[in-house]
Each structure stands twice: as structure tokens, then as C-alpha cells.
Amino acid sequence: RTPGSSVSPKSSRSKAETEGAAPLRLPALYCTPHIKVPGTLFVSPLLVTFTADSEDKHVKEFGGELYQVNLEVQDVLQCGGITMPHEDGTDLAYFLQLQTRTLNGHYFTREEDGNDPWFVVFRLMGKEDLH
């Protein structure tokens, strides 16, 4: 950002566009291919982060850095809300799925390359969290 500029070189949104939007903090499960880790999902107009719960057994064993997610919104190619029945069939589960071109600033991919994007999935606690 240059002095006096209201637009960051990493974002095409002006400061005025992002100042009024309140960030969200939601309890969520980060759904990795093999485990689900509880923590807090933070969503702002410029950034999506997940911080794992320090009391989780996987975090205690392997460290929280392994389950931390940092995404700039500009690196999200698509996002979708998914509703599925619980495994026991008694209720519904709500997921936020993000298709990304990077994860934690690494492994760039572009839509035009035709490469498969990375998927980052969070299970949310309720339907209202998807809106």
C-alpha cells in the first residue's frame, strides 16, 4: 500500500468498502481428510482464518499450527453452503466449502490452468451460520 492509498495491492476492495462489514467469529469443525478439529472460524471481508481449539487431542499431540488456516478472500475461487443428513440420520449438518487457489499462502493454482483447486471444508453449528 502506498502512503495515502486506500487500496491494498493485494485487494481490489477499497477501505470504505470493507470498514463497515463486521467480521464473523463462529465455532466450527475444520474437516481435514482424516479428522475433524474444533476451533473458531473468523471471516472478514479480506480474510478467512481458522484457529484450532488448544484443548483438542489432535492439537495437543501435533500442535495447533498443523490445523491453522489462513486465506485471503481474493484466493477463494468459489464457496458453497452444503446441507447433509447427520451420519445417524437424526438431523442435518451444515458445511461451508471453499475452493481455493492457495492455502496458507502456498501452492498457487489458477482457474485458467485447469488444475483442480484445493477444497477447504468447515462444519458449522447451524443453518444460520451459512447465511
Foldseek 3Di string as FASTA:
>chain_A
DDPPAQDDPVDPDGVVVFVVWDKDWFWKWWDDPPDTFTFIWIDGQFKTKTFGDCPDPVCVVPNRVVVIWIDTPVFFPDKDKDWDADPVRPGIWIKIKTFGQDTPPDNGDDVVVVDGTDIIMIIGDDPVVRD
